[in-house]
Amino acid sequence: MDTFNDETVFEKEQCINILKEVCEECLSQQMYNHAKVGRWISEICEKSNKQLVQLGKPFKYVVTCVIMQRNGAGLHTASSCFWDSSNDGSATFRYEEKTMYCVCTCFALAV
């Protein structure tokens, strides 16, 4: 039986909490503004990655972010990964404001 060290286990809930905190910090009370979306996306990805790295776990992280104006249109996303599911993992968080949706995904790859 394999034993896992807490330092090497991907904790999905911990990752979701970071994505949630960063989205709220960057987007709370904001109105959708096409001119600001690029900056928001960069800020969310960079801040999330920085906080994930500060956990000090042996992972490489990839964070993606999509922001879409809330206007009734549908948004569907999917991902497929070929990895070691006992070590690697992913987490997705969906954030909503009155005028936009934000979907952030983190992929954690054990090193």
PDB file of N, CA and C in Angstrom:
ATOM      1  N   MET A   1       0.838  -1.179   0.000  1.00  0.00           N
ATOM      2  CA  MET A   1       0.000   0.000   0.000  1.00  0.00           C
ATOM      3  C   MET A   1       0.886   1.246   0.000  1.00  0.00           C
ATOM      4  N   ASP A   2       0.562   2.179  -0.862  1.00  0.00           N
ATOM      5  CA  ASP A   2       1.333   3.418  -0.947  1.00  0.00           C
ATOM      6  C   ASP A   2       0.948   4.352   0.184  1.00  0.00           C
ATOM      7  N   THR A   3       1.965   5.023   0.726  1.00  0.00           N
ATOM      8  CA  THR A   3       1.690   6.054   1.722  1.00  0.00           C
ATOM      9  C   THR A   3       2.007   7.392   1.095  1.00  0.00           C
ATOM     10  N   PHE A   4       1.142   8.351   1.305  1.00  0.00           N
ATOM     11  CA  PHE A   4       1.335   9.664   0.728  1.00  0.00           C
ATOM     12  C   PHE A   4       1.727  10.653   1.807  1.00  0.00           C
ATOM     13  N   ASN A   5       2.700  11.428   1.503  1.00  0.00           N
ATOM     14  CA  ASN A   5       3.144  12.499   2.370  1.00  0.00           C
ATOM     15  C   ASN A   5       2.277  13.713   2.054  1.00  0.00           C
ATOM     16  N   ASP A   6       1.798  14.419   3.076  1.00  0.00           N
ATOM     17  CA  ASP A   6       0.960  15.599   2.860  1.00  0.00           C
ATOM     18  C   ASP A   6       1.633  16.633   1.964  1.00  0.00           C
ATOM     19  N   GLU A   7       2.948  16.646   1.964  1.00  0.00           N
ATOM     20  CA  GLU A   7       3.677  17.620   1.156  1.00  0.00           C
ATOM     21  C   GLU A   7       3.592  17.311  -0.338  1.00  0.00           C
ATOM     22  N   THR A   8       3.317  16.061  -0.702  1.00  0.00           N
ATOM     23  CA  THR A   8       3.326  15.679  -2.115  1.00  0.00           C
ATOM     24  C   THR A   8       1.940  15.384  -2.674  1.00  0.00           C
ATOM     25  N   VAL A   9       0.910  15.598  -1.877  1.00  0.00           N
ATOM     26  CA  VAL A   9      -0.456  15.322  -2.317  1.00  0.00           C
ATOM     27  C   VAL A   9      -1.101  16.624  -2.807  1.00  0.00           C
ATOM     28  N   PHE A  10      -1.719  16.553  -3.982  1.00  0.00           N
ATOM     29  CA  PHE A  10      -2.446  17.712  -4.498  1.00  0.00           C
ATOM     30  C   PHE A  10      -3.753  17.835  -3.735  1.00  0.00           C
ATOM     31  N   GLU A  11      -3.961  18.989  -3.106  1.00  0.00           N
ATOM     32  CA  GLU A  11      -5.180  19.224  -2.332  1.00  0.00           C
ATOM     33  C   GLU A  11      -6.106  20.133  -3.139  1.00  0.00           C
ATOM     34  N   LYS A  12      -7.092  19.500  -3.757  1.00  0.00           N
ATOM     35  CA  LYS A  12      -8.014  20.198  -4.645  1.00  0.00           C
ATOM     36  C   LYS A  12      -8.732  21.347  -3.943  1.00  0.00           C
ATOM     37  N   GLU A  13      -9.241  21.120  -2.730  1.00  0.00           N
ATOM     38  CA  GLU A  13      -9.984  22.162  -2.013  1.00  0.00           C
ATOM     39  C   GLU A  13      -9.102  23.367  -1.691  1.00  0.00           C
ATOM     40  N   GLN A  14      -7.861  23.124  -1.350  1.00  0.00           N
ATOM     41  CA  GLN A  14      -6.917  24.207  -1.074  1.00  0.00           C
ATOM     42  C   GLN A  14      -6.705  25.054  -2.332  1.00  0.00           C
ATOM     43  N   CYS A  15      -6.605  24.390  -3.456  1.00  0.00           N
ATOM     44  CA  CYS A  15      -6.436  25.078  -4.736  1.00  0.00           C
ATOM     45  C   CYS A  15      -7.688  25.881  -5.086  1.00  0.00           C
ATOM     46  N   ILE A  16      -8.856  25.302  -4.910  1.00  0.00           N
ATOM     47  CA  ILE A  16     -10.114  26.008  -5.195  1.00  0.00           C
ATOM     48  C   ILE A  16     -10.229  27.247  -4.310  1.00  0.00           C
ATOM     49  N   ASN A  17      -9.835  27.130  -3.061  1.00  0.00           N
ATOM     50  CA  ASN A  17      -9.887  28.283  -2.154  1.00  0.00           C
ATOM     51  C   ASN A  17      -8.993  29.418  -2.633  1.00  0.00           C
ATOM     52  N   ILE A  18      -7.829  29.079  -3.155  1.00  0.00           N
ATOM     53  CA  ILE A  18      -6.925  30.106  -3.691  1.00  0.00           C
ATOM     54  C   ILE A  18      -7.545  30.760  -4.920  1.00  0.00           C
ATOM     55  N   LEU A  19      -8.074  29.966  -5.840  1.00  0.00           N
ATOM     56  CA  LEU A  19      -8.702  30.516  -7.040  1.00  0.00           C
ATOM     57  C   LEU A  19      -9.875  31.432  -6.652  1.00  0.00           C
ATOM     58  N   LYS A  20     -10.672  31.002  -5.688  1.00  0.00           N
ATOM     59  CA  LYS A  20     -11.818  31.793  -5.222  1.00  0.00           C
ATOM     60  C   LYS A  20     -11.353  33.124  -4.639  1.00  0.00           C
ATOM     61  N   GLU A  21     -10.372  33.069  -3.763  1.00  0.00           N
ATOM     62  CA  GLU A  21      -9.862  34.281  -3.110  1.00  0.00           C
ATOM     63  C   GLU A  21      -9.322  35.280  -4.135  1.00  0.00           C
ATOM     64  N   VAL A  22      -8.572  34.792  -5.102  1.00  0.00           N
ATOM     65  CA  VAL A  22      -7.983  35.671  -6.113  1.00  0.00           C
ATOM     66  C   VAL A  22      -9.071  36.261  -7.014  1.00  0.00           C
ATOM     67  N   CYS A  23     -10.025  35.454  -7.439  1.00  0.00           N
ATOM     68  CA  CYS A  23     -11.125  35.962  -8.274  1.00  0.00           C
ATOM     69  C   CYS A  23     -11.904  37.042  -7.545  1.00  0.00           C
ATOM     70  N   GLU A  24     -12.208  36.802  -6.284  1.00  0.00           N
ATOM     71  CA  GLU A  24     -12.951  37.799  -5.510  1.00  0.00           C
ATOM     72  C   GLU A  24     -12.149  39.084  -5.357  1.00  0.00           C
ATOM     73  N   GLU A  25     -10.863  38.951  -5.115  1.00  0.00           N
ATOM     74  CA  GLU A  25     -10.003  40.126  -4.966  1.00  0.00           C
ATOM     75  C   GLU A  25      -9.942  40.950  -6.255  1.00  0.00           C
ATOM     76  N   CYS A  26      -9.857  40.276  -7.384  1.00  0.00           N
ATOM     77  CA  CYS A  26      -9.693  40.982  -8.663  1.00  0.00           C
ATOM     78  C   CYS A  26     -11.006  41.456  -9.291  1.00  0.00           C
ATOM     79  N   LEU A  27     -12.099  40.730  -9.053  1.00  0.00           N
ATOM     80  CA  LEU A  27     -13.328  41.006  -9.799  1.00  0.00           C
ATOM     81  C   LEU A  27     -14.512  41.496  -8.965  1.00  0.00           C
ATOM     82  N   SER A  28     -14.414  41.429  -7.653  1.00  0.00           N
ATOM     83  CA  SER A  28     -15.534  41.816  -6.818  1.00  0.00           C
ATOM     84  C   SER A  28     -15.989  43.244  -7.122  1.00  0.00           C
ATOM     85  N   GLN A  29     -17.277  43.385  -7.336  1.00  0.00           N
ATOM     86  CA  GLN A  29     -17.912  44.684  -7.602  1.00  0.00           C
ATOM     87  C   GLN A  29     -17.502  45.314  -8.939  1.00  0.00           C
ATOM     88  N   GLN A  30     -16.842  44.569  -9.807  1.00  0.00           N
ATOM     89  CA  GLN A  30     -16.460  45.097 -11.120  1.00  0.00           C
ATOM     90  C   GLN A  30     -17.595  44.873 -12.111  1.00  0.00           C
ATOM     91  N   MET A  31     -17.714  45.773 -13.056  1.00  0.00           N
ATOM     92  CA  MET A  31     -18.640  45.611 -14.171  1.00  0.00           C
ATOM     93  C   MET A  31     -17.815  45.139 -15.366  1.00  0.00           C
ATOM     94  N   TYR A  32     -18.404  44.288 -16.197  1.00  0.00           N
ATOM     95  CA  TYR A  32     -17.670  43.800 -17.364  1.00  0.00           C
ATOM     96  C   TYR A  32     -17.215  44.986 -18.207  1.00  0.00           C
ATOM     97  N   ASN A  33     -15.930  44.948 -18.558  1.00  0.00           N
ATOM     98  CA  ASN A  33     -15.347  46.003 -19.380  1.00  0.00           C
ATOM     99  C   ASN A  33     -14.327  45.343 -20.288  1.00  0.00           C
ATOM    100  N   HIS A  34     -14.648  45.271 -21.571  1.00  0.00           N
ATOM    101  CA  HIS A  34     -13.781  44.591 -22.539  1.00  0.00           C
ATOM    102  C   HIS A  34     -12.330  45.081 -22.457  1.00  0.00           C
ATOM    103  N   ALA A  35     -12.137  46.358 -22.225  1.00  0.00           N
ATOM    104  CA  ALA A  35     -10.795  46.931 -22.180  1.00  0.00           C
ATOM    105  C   ALA A  35      -9.991  46.453 -20.968  1.00  0.00           C
ATOM    106  N   LYS A  36     -10.670  45.970 -19.938  1.00  0.00           N
ATOM    107  CA  LYS A  36      -9.971  45.529 -18.717  1.00  0.00           C
ATOM    108  C   LYS A  36      -9.806  44.016 -18.607  1.00  0.00           C
ATOM    109  N   VAL A  37     -10.474  43.262 -19.464  1.00  0.00           N
ATOM    110  CA  VAL A  37     -10.479  41.806 -19.346  1.00  0.00           C
ATOM    111  C   VAL A  37      -9.067  41.218 -19.430  1.00  0.00           C
ATOM    112  N   GLY A  38      -8.262  41.668 -20.350  1.00  0.00           N
ATOM    113  CA  GLY A  38      -6.897  41.149 -20.492  1.00  0.00           C
ATOM    114  C   GLY A  38      -6.077  41.332 -19.224  1.00  0.00           C
ATOM    115  N   ARG A  39      -6.210  42.492 -18.612  1.00  0.00           N
ATOM    116  CA  ARG A  39      -5.484  42.772 -17.366  1.00  0.00           C
ATOM    117  C   ARG A  39      -6.004  41.885 -16.239  1.00  0.00           C
ATOM    118  N   TRP A  40      -7.333  41.735 -16.142  1.00  0.00           N
ATOM    119  CA  TRP A  40      -7.914  40.888 -15.100  1.00  0.00           C
ATOM    120  C   TRP A  40      -7.442  39.441 -15.230  1.00  0.00           C
ATOM    121  N   ILE A  41      -7.462  38.930 -16.458  1.00  0.00           N
ATOM    122  CA  ILE A  41      -7.047  37.543 -16.689  1.00  0.00           C
ATOM    123  C   ILE A  41      -5.588  37.345 -16.280  1.00  0.00           C
ATOM    124  N   SER A  42      -4.723  38.250 -16.707  1.00  0.00           N
ATOM    125  CA  SER A  42      -3.297  38.146 -16.348  1.00  0.00           C
ATOM    126  C   SER A  42      -3.110  38.203 -14.838  1.00  0.00           C
ATOM    127  N   GLU A  43      -3.803  39.124 -14.203  1.00  0.00           N
ATOM    128  CA  GLU A  43      -3.683  39.299 -12.757  1.00  0.00           C
ATOM    129  C   GLU A  43      -4.157  38.052 -12.004  1.00  0.00           C
ATOM    130  N   ILE A  44      -5.270  37.492 -12.422  1.00  0.00           N
ATOM    131  CA  ILE A  44      -5.810  36.293 -11.774  1.00  0.00           C
ATOM    132  C   ILE A  44      -4.848  35.120 -11.927  1.00  0.00           C
ATOM    133  N   CYS A  45      -4.339  34.909 -13.140  1.00  0.00           N
ATOM    134  CA  CYS A  45      -3.415  33.793 -13.378  1.00  0.00           C
ATOM    135  C   CYS A  45      -2.121  33.969 -12.588  1.00  0.00           C
ATOM    136  N   GLU A  46      -1.555  35.162 -12.626  1.00  0.00           N
ATOM    137  CA  GLU A  46      -0.282  35.410 -11.942  1.00  0.00           C
ATOM    138  C   GLU A  46      -0.420  35.317 -10.426  1.00  0.00           C
ATOM    139  N   LYS A  47      -1.456  35.929  -9.863  1.00  0.00           N
ATOM    140  CA  LYS A  47      -1.640  35.884  -8.403  1.00  0.00           C
ATOM    141  C   LYS A  47      -1.935  34.462  -7.928  1.00  0.00           C
ATOM    142  N   SER A  48      -2.746  33.737  -8.682  1.00  0.00           N
ATOM    143  CA  SER A  48      -3.062  32.352  -8.313  1.00  0.00           C
ATOM    144  C   SER A  48      -1.801  31.499  -8.330  1.00  0.00           C
ATOM    145  N   ASN A  49      -1.037  31.610  -9.407  1.00  0.00           N
ATOM    146  CA  ASN A  49       0.193  30.837  -9.516  1.00  0.00           C
ATOM    147  C   ASN A  49       1.153  31.164  -8.385  1.00  0.00           C
ATOM    148  N   LYS A  50       1.291  32.442  -8.064  1.00  0.00           N
ATOM    149  CA  LYS A  50       2.200  32.865  -6.991  1.00  0.00           C
ATOM    150  C   LYS A  50       1.782  32.241  -5.656  1.00  0.00           C
ATOM    151  N   GLN A  51       0.487  32.286  -5.348  1.00  0.00           N
ATOM    152  CA  GLN A  51       0.013  31.715  -4.082  1.00  0.00           C
ATOM    153  C   GLN A  51       0.166  30.193  -4.052  1.00  0.00           C
ATOM    154  N   LEU A  52      -0.047  29.543  -5.185  1.00  0.00           N
ATOM    155  CA  LEU A  52       0.123  28.088  -5.249  1.00  0.00           C
ATOM    156  C   LEU A  52       1.583  27.709  -5.023  1.00  0.00           C
ATOM    157  N   VAL A  53       2.497  28.430  -5.657  1.00  0.00           N
ATOM    158  CA  VAL A  53       3.926  28.155  -5.488  1.00  0.00           C
ATOM    159  C   VAL A  53       4.347  28.364  -4.033  1.00  0.00           C
ATOM    160  N   GLN A  54       3.766  29.365  -3.367  1.00  0.00           N
ATOM    161  CA  GLN A  54       4.103  29.648  -1.963  1.00  0.00           C
ATOM    162  C   GLN A  54       3.696  28.521  -1.020  1.00  0.00           C
ATOM    163  N   LEU A  55       2.859  27.596  -1.475  1.00  0.00           N
ATOM    164  CA  LEU A  55       2.509  26.444  -0.649  1.00  0.00           C
ATOM    165  C   LEU A  55       3.718  25.542  -0.426  1.00  0.00           C
ATOM    166  N   GLY A  56       4.714  25.660  -1.308  1.00  0.00           N
ATOM    167  CA  GLY A  56       5.948  24.892  -1.158  1.00  0.00           C
ATOM    168  C   GLY A  56       5.809  23.415  -1.484  1.00  0.00           C
ATOM    169  N   LYS A  57       4.838  23.068  -2.292  1.00  0.00           N
ATOM    170  CA  LYS A  57       4.646  21.667  -2.667  1.00  0.00           C
ATOM    171  C   LYS A  57       5.375  21.382  -3.977  1.00  0.00           C
ATOM    172  N   PRO A  58       5.762  20.133  -4.194  1.00  0.00           N
ATOM    173  CA  PRO A  58       6.544  19.788  -5.395  1.00  0.00           C
ATOM    174  C   PRO A  58       5.677  19.636  -6.649  1.00  0.00           C
ATOM    175  N   PHE A  59       5.099  20.747  -7.089  1.00  0.00           N
ATOM    176  CA  PHE A  59       4.255  20.733  -8.277  1.00  0.00           C
ATOM    177  C   PHE A  59       4.647  21.875  -9.210  1.00  0.00           C
ATOM    178  N   LYS A  60       4.429  21.654 -10.482  1.00  0.00           N
ATOM    179  CA  LYS A  60       4.427  22.743 -11.453  1.00  0.00           C
ATOM    180  C   LYS A  60       2.956  23.037 -11.700  1.00  0.00           C
ATOM    181  N   TYR A  61       2.619  24.323 -11.755  1.00  0.00           N
ATOM    182  CA  TYR A  61       1.220  24.714 -11.897  1.00  0.00           C
ATOM    183  C   TYR A  61       0.980  25.418 -13.217  1.00  0.00           C
ATOM    184  N   VAL A  62      -0.179  25.152 -13.780  1.00  0.00           N
ATOM    185  CA  VAL A  62      -0.660  25.857 -14.960  1.00  0.00           C
ATOM    186  C   VAL A  62      -2.038  26.390 -14.579  1.00  0.00           C
ATOM    187  N   VAL A  63      -2.226  27.710 -14.692  1.00  0.00           N
ATOM    188  CA  VAL A  63      -3.517  28.305 -14.356  1.00  0.00           C
ATOM    189  C   VAL A  63      -4.084  28.957 -15.616  1.00  0.00           C
ATOM    190  N   THR A  64      -5.333  28.639 -15.917  1.00  0.00           N
ATOM    191  CA  THR A  64      -6.016  29.262 -17.045  1.00  0.00           C
ATOM    192  C   THR A  64      -7.212  30.035 -16.514  1.00  0.00           C
ATOM    193  N   CYS A  65      -7.606  31.048 -17.270  1.00  0.00           N
ATOM    194  CA  CYS A  65      -8.724  31.884 -16.853  1.00  0.00           C
ATOM    195  C   CYS A  65      -9.495  32.337 -18.092  1.00  0.00           C
ATOM    196  N   VAL A  66     -10.807  32.246 -18.008  1.00  0.00           N
ATOM    197  CA  VAL A  66     -11.691  32.724 -19.064  1.00  0.00           C
ATOM    198  C   VAL A  66     -12.684  33.679 -18.417  1.00  0.00           C
ATOM    199  N   ILE A  67     -12.821  34.871 -18.988  1.00  0.00           N
ATOM    200  CA  ILE A  67     -13.833  35.819 -18.529  1.00  0.00           C
ATOM    201  C   ILE A  67     -14.765  36.095 -19.695  1.00  0.00           C
ATOM    202  N   MET A  68     -16.061  35.980 -19.420  1.00  0.00           N
ATOM    203  CA  MET A  68     -17.062  36.165 -20.467  1.00  0.00           C
ATOM    204  C   MET A  68     -18.156  37.090 -19.968  1.00  0.00           C
ATOM    205  N   GLN A  69     -18.564  38.001 -20.837  1.00  0.00           N
ATOM    206  CA  GLN A  69     -19.659  38.893 -20.494  1.00  0.00           C
ATOM    207  C   GLN A  69     -20.928  38.083 -20.272  1.00  0.00           C
ATOM    208  N   ARG A  70     -21.661  38.438 -19.269  1.00  0.00           N
ATOM    209  CA  ARG A  70     -22.904  37.736 -18.944  1.00  0.00           C
ATOM    210  C   ARG A  70     -24.025  38.358 -19.760  1.00  0.00           C
ATOM    211  N   ASN A  71     -24.370  37.686 -20.864  1.00  0.00           N
ATOM    212  CA  ASN A  71     -25.387  38.234 -21.755  1.00  0.00           C
ATOM    213  C   ASN A  71     -26.344  37.165 -22.290  1.00  0.00           C
ATOM    214  N   GLY A  72     -26.360  36.019 -21.637  1.00  0.00           N
ATOM    215  CA  GLY A  72     -27.275  34.963 -22.059  1.00  0.00           C
ATOM    216  C   GLY A  72     -26.655  33.916 -22.957  1.00  0.00           C
ATOM    217  N   ALA A  73     -25.470  34.159 -23.469  1.00  0.00           N
ATOM    218  CA  ALA A  73     -24.801  33.183 -24.327  1.00  0.00           C
ATOM    219  C   ALA A  73     -24.249  32.046 -23.468  1.00  0.00           C
ATOM    220  N   GLY A  74     -24.137  30.886 -24.050  1.00  0.00           N
ATOM    221  CA  GLY A  74     -23.606  29.731 -23.335  1.00  0.00           C
ATOM    222  C   GLY A  74     -22.086  29.669 -23.405  1.00  0.00           C
ATOM    223  N   LEU A  75     -21.491  29.050 -22.411  1.00  0.00           N
ATOM    224  CA  LEU A  75     -20.049  28.827 -22.394  1.00  0.00           C
ATOM    225  C   LEU A  75     -19.829  27.407 -21.907  1.00  0.00           C
ATOM    226  N   HIS A  76     -19.149  26.622 -22.711  1.00  0.00           N
ATOM    227  CA  HIS A  76     -18.844  25.244 -22.357  1.00  0.00           C
ATOM    228  C   HIS A  76     -17.341  25.070 -22.430  1.00  0.00           C
ATOM    229  N   THR A  77     -16.758  24.453 -21.414  1.00  0.00           N
ATOM    230  CA  THR A  77     -15.323  24.203 -21.405  1.00  0.00           C
ATOM    231  C   THR A  77     -15.080  22.742 -21.049  1.00  0.00           C
ATOM    232  N   ALA A  78     -13.948  22.232 -21.471  1.00  0.00           N
ATOM    233  CA  ALA A  78     -13.554  20.861 -21.134  1.00  0.00           C
ATOM    234  C   ALA A  78     -12.038  20.769 -21.210  1.00  0.00           C
ATOM    235  N   SER A  79     -11.499  19.796 -20.524  1.00  0.00           N
ATOM    236  CA  SER A  79     -10.068  19.530 -20.623  1.00  0.00           C
ATOM    237  C   SER A  79      -9.855  18.031 -20.487  1.00  0.00           C
ATOM    238  N   SER A  80      -8.769  17.576 -21.036  1.00  0.00           N
ATOM    239  CA  SER A  80      -8.410  16.177 -20.946  1.00  0.00           C
ATOM    240  C   SER A  80      -6.919  16.116 -20.683  1.00  0.00           C
ATOM    241  N   CYS A  81      -6.515  15.318 -19.729  1.00  0.00           N
ATOM    242  CA  CYS A  81      -5.108  15.258 -19.350  1.00  0.00           C
ATOM    243  C   CYS A  81      -4.628  13.814 -19.334  1.00  0.00           C
ATOM    244  N   PHE A  82      -3.421  13.606 -19.808  1.00  0.00           N
ATOM    245  CA  PHE A  82      -2.771  12.307 -19.718  1.00  0.00           C
ATOM    246  C   PHE A  82      -1.668  12.467 -18.684  1.00  0.00           C
ATOM    247  N   TRP A  83      -1.919  11.944 -17.476  1.00  0.00           N
ATOM    248  CA  TRP A  83      -0.971  12.127 -16.398  1.00  0.00           C
ATOM    249  C   TRP A  83      -1.113  11.022 -15.366  1.00  0.00           C
ATOM    250  N   ASP A  84      -0.359  11.147 -14.316  1.00  0.00           N
ATOM    251  CA  ASP A  84      -0.409  10.193 -13.211  1.00  0.00           C
ATOM    252  C   ASP A  84      -1.450  10.683 -12.212  1.00  0.00           C
ATOM    253  N   SER A  85      -2.637  10.117 -12.254  1.00  0.00           N
ATOM    254  CA  SER A  85      -3.731  10.619 -11.421  1.00  0.00           C
ATOM    255  C   SER A  85      -3.499  10.420  -9.928  1.00  0.00           C
ATOM    256  N   SER A  86      -2.519   9.616  -9.549  1.00  0.00           N
ATOM    257  CA  SER A  86      -2.233   9.456  -8.115  1.00  0.00           C
ATOM    258  C   SER A  86      -1.385  10.612  -7.583  1.00  0.00           C
ATOM    259  N   ASN A  87      -0.737  11.365  -8.483  1.00  0.00           N
ATOM    260  CA  ASN A  87       0.108  12.487  -8.059  1.00  0.00           C
ATOM    261  C   ASN A  87      -0.342  13.836  -8.600  1.00  0.00           C
ATOM    262  N   ASP A  88      -0.831  13.860  -9.819  1.00  0.00           N
ATOM    263  CA  ASP A  88      -1.218  15.108 -10.471  1.00  0.00           C
ATOM    264  C   ASP A  88      -2.708  15.377 -10.225  1.00  0.00           C
ATOM    265  N   GLY A  89      -3.122  16.612 -10.465  1.00  0.00           N
ATOM    266  CA  GLY A  89      -4.530  16.916 -10.267  1.00  0.00           C
ATOM    267  C   GLY A  89      -4.932  18.228 -10.906  1.00  0.00           C
ATOM    268  N   SER A  90      -6.224  18.501 -10.847  1.00  0.00           N
ATOM    269  CA  SER A  90      -6.729  19.762 -11.380  1.00  0.00           C
ATOM    270  C   SER A  90      -7.908  20.222 -10.528  1.00  0.00           C
ATOM    271  N   ALA A  91      -8.165  21.512 -10.602  1.00  0.00           N
ATOM    272  CA  ALA A  91      -9.280  22.102  -9.872  1.00  0.00           C
ATOM    273  C   ALA A  91      -9.837  23.242 -10.707  1.00  0.00           C
ATOM    274  N   THR A  92     -11.140  23.396 -10.692  1.00  0.00           N
ATOM    275  CA  THR A  92     -11.800  24.466 -11.438  1.00  0.00           C
ATOM    276  C   THR A  92     -12.721  25.229 -10.496  1.00  0.00           C
ATOM    277  N   PHE A  93     -12.728  26.544 -10.683  1.00  0.00           N
ATOM    278  CA  PHE A  93     -13.601  27.402  -9.890  1.00  0.00           C
ATOM    279  C   PHE A  93     -14.338  28.350 -10.821  1.00  0.00           C
ATOM    280  N   ARG A  94     -15.638  28.486 -10.612  1.00  0.00           N
ATOM    281  CA  ARG A  94     -16.463  29.397 -11.417  1.00  0.00           C
ATOM    282  C   ARG A  94     -16.904  30.556 -10.533  1.00  0.00           C
ATOM    283  N   TYR A  95     -16.628  31.750 -11.006  1.00  0.00           N
ATOM    284  CA  TYR A  95     -16.976  32.962 -10.272  1.00  0.00           C
ATOM    285  C   TYR A  95     -17.986  33.747 -11.092  1.00  0.00           C
ATOM    286  N   GLU A  96     -18.980  34.326 -10.430  1.00  0.00           N
ATOM    287  CA  GLU A  96     -19.997  35.111 -11.129  1.00  0.00           C
ATOM    288  C   GLU A  96     -20.134  36.493 -10.524  1.00  0.00           C
ATOM    289  N   GLU A  97     -20.268  37.467 -11.377  1.00  0.00           N
ATOM    290  CA  GLU A  97     -20.644  38.828 -11.004  1.00  0.00           C
ATOM    291  C   GLU A  97     -21.896  39.150 -11.804  1.00  0.00           C
ATOM    292  N   LYS A  98     -22.505  40.293 -11.554  1.00  0.00           N
ATOM    293  CA  LYS A  98     -23.743  40.658 -12.246  1.00  0.00           C
ATOM    294  C   LYS A  98     -23.577  40.710 -13.761  1.00  0.00           C
ATOM    295  N   THR A  99     -22.386  41.093 -14.229  1.00  0.00           N
ATOM    296  CA  THR A  99     -22.204  41.319 -15.666  1.00  0.00           C
ATOM    297  C   THR A  99     -21.193  40.380 -16.319  1.00  0.00           C
ATOM    298  N   MET A 100     -20.659  39.398 -15.565  1.00  0.00           N
ATOM    299  CA  MET A 100     -19.658  38.498 -16.163  1.00  0.00           C
ATOM    300  C   MET A 100     -19.538  37.182 -15.414  1.00  0.00           C
ATOM    301  N   TYR A 101     -18.965  36.216 -16.137  1.00  0.00           N
ATOM    302  CA  TYR A 101     -18.586  34.924 -15.576  1.00  0.00           C
ATOM    303  C   TYR A 101     -17.074  34.810 -15.681  1.00  0.00           C
ATOM    304  N   CYS A 102     -16.483  34.100 -14.745  1.00  0.00           N
ATOM    305  CA  CYS A 102     -15.053  33.821 -14.795  1.00  0.00           C
ATOM    306  C   CYS A 102     -14.868  32.353 -14.440  1.00  0.00           C
ATOM    307  N   VAL A 103     -14.137  31.625 -15.276  1.00  0.00           N
ATOM    308  CA  VAL A 103     -13.843  30.224 -15.011  1.00  0.00           C
ATOM    309  C   VAL A 103     -12.330  30.073 -14.958  1.00  0.00           C
ATOM    310  N   CYS A 104     -11.837  29.620 -13.812  1.00  0.00           N
ATOM    311  CA  CYS A 104     -10.394  29.420 -13.626  1.00  0.00           C
ATOM    312  C   CYS A 104     -10.125  27.946 -13.403  1.00  0.00           C
ATOM    313  N   THR A 105      -9.083  27.452 -14.039  1.00  0.00           N
ATOM    314  CA  THR A 105      -8.665  26.073 -13.864  1.00  0.00           C
ATOM    315  C   THR A 105      -7.194  26.030 -13.529  1.00  0.00           C
ATOM    316  N   CYS A 106      -6.858  25.184 -12.580  1.00  0.00           N
ATOM    317  CA  CYS A 106      -5.460  24.972 -12.198  1.00  0.00           C
ATOM    318  C   CYS A 106      -5.114  23.517 -12.471  1.00  0.00           C
ATOM    319  N   PHE A 107      -4.008  23.294 -13.136  1.00  0.00           N
ATOM    320  CA  PHE A 107      -3.462  21.961 -13.345  1.00  0.00           C
ATOM    321  C   PHE A 107      -2.186  21.878 -12.521  1.00  0.00           C
ATOM    322  N   ALA A 108      -2.076  20.850 -11.693  1.00  0.00           N
ATOM    323  CA  ALA A 108      -0.902  20.668 -10.836  1.00  0.00           C
ATOM    324  C   ALA A 108      -0.194  19.388 -11.262  1.00  0.00           C
ATOM    325  N   LEU A 109       1.065  19.518 -11.657  1.00  0.00           N
ATOM    326  CA  LEU A 109       1.839  18.378 -12.145  1.00  0.00           C
ATOM    327  C   LEU A 109       3.014  18.125 -11.210  1.00  0.00           C
ATOM    328  N   ALA A 110       3.059  16.949 -10.644  1.00  0.00           N
ATOM    329  CA  ALA A 110       4.100  16.606  -9.684  1.00  0.00           C
ATOM    330  C   ALA A 110       5.466  16.600 -10.377  1.00  0.00           C
ATOM    331  N   VAL A 111       6.462  17.129  -9.643  1.00  0.00           N
ATOM    332  CA  VAL A 111       7.842  17.124 -10.180  1.00  0.00           C
ATOM    333  C   VAL A 111       8.665  16.078  -9.479  1.00  0.00           C
TER     334      VAL A 111
END
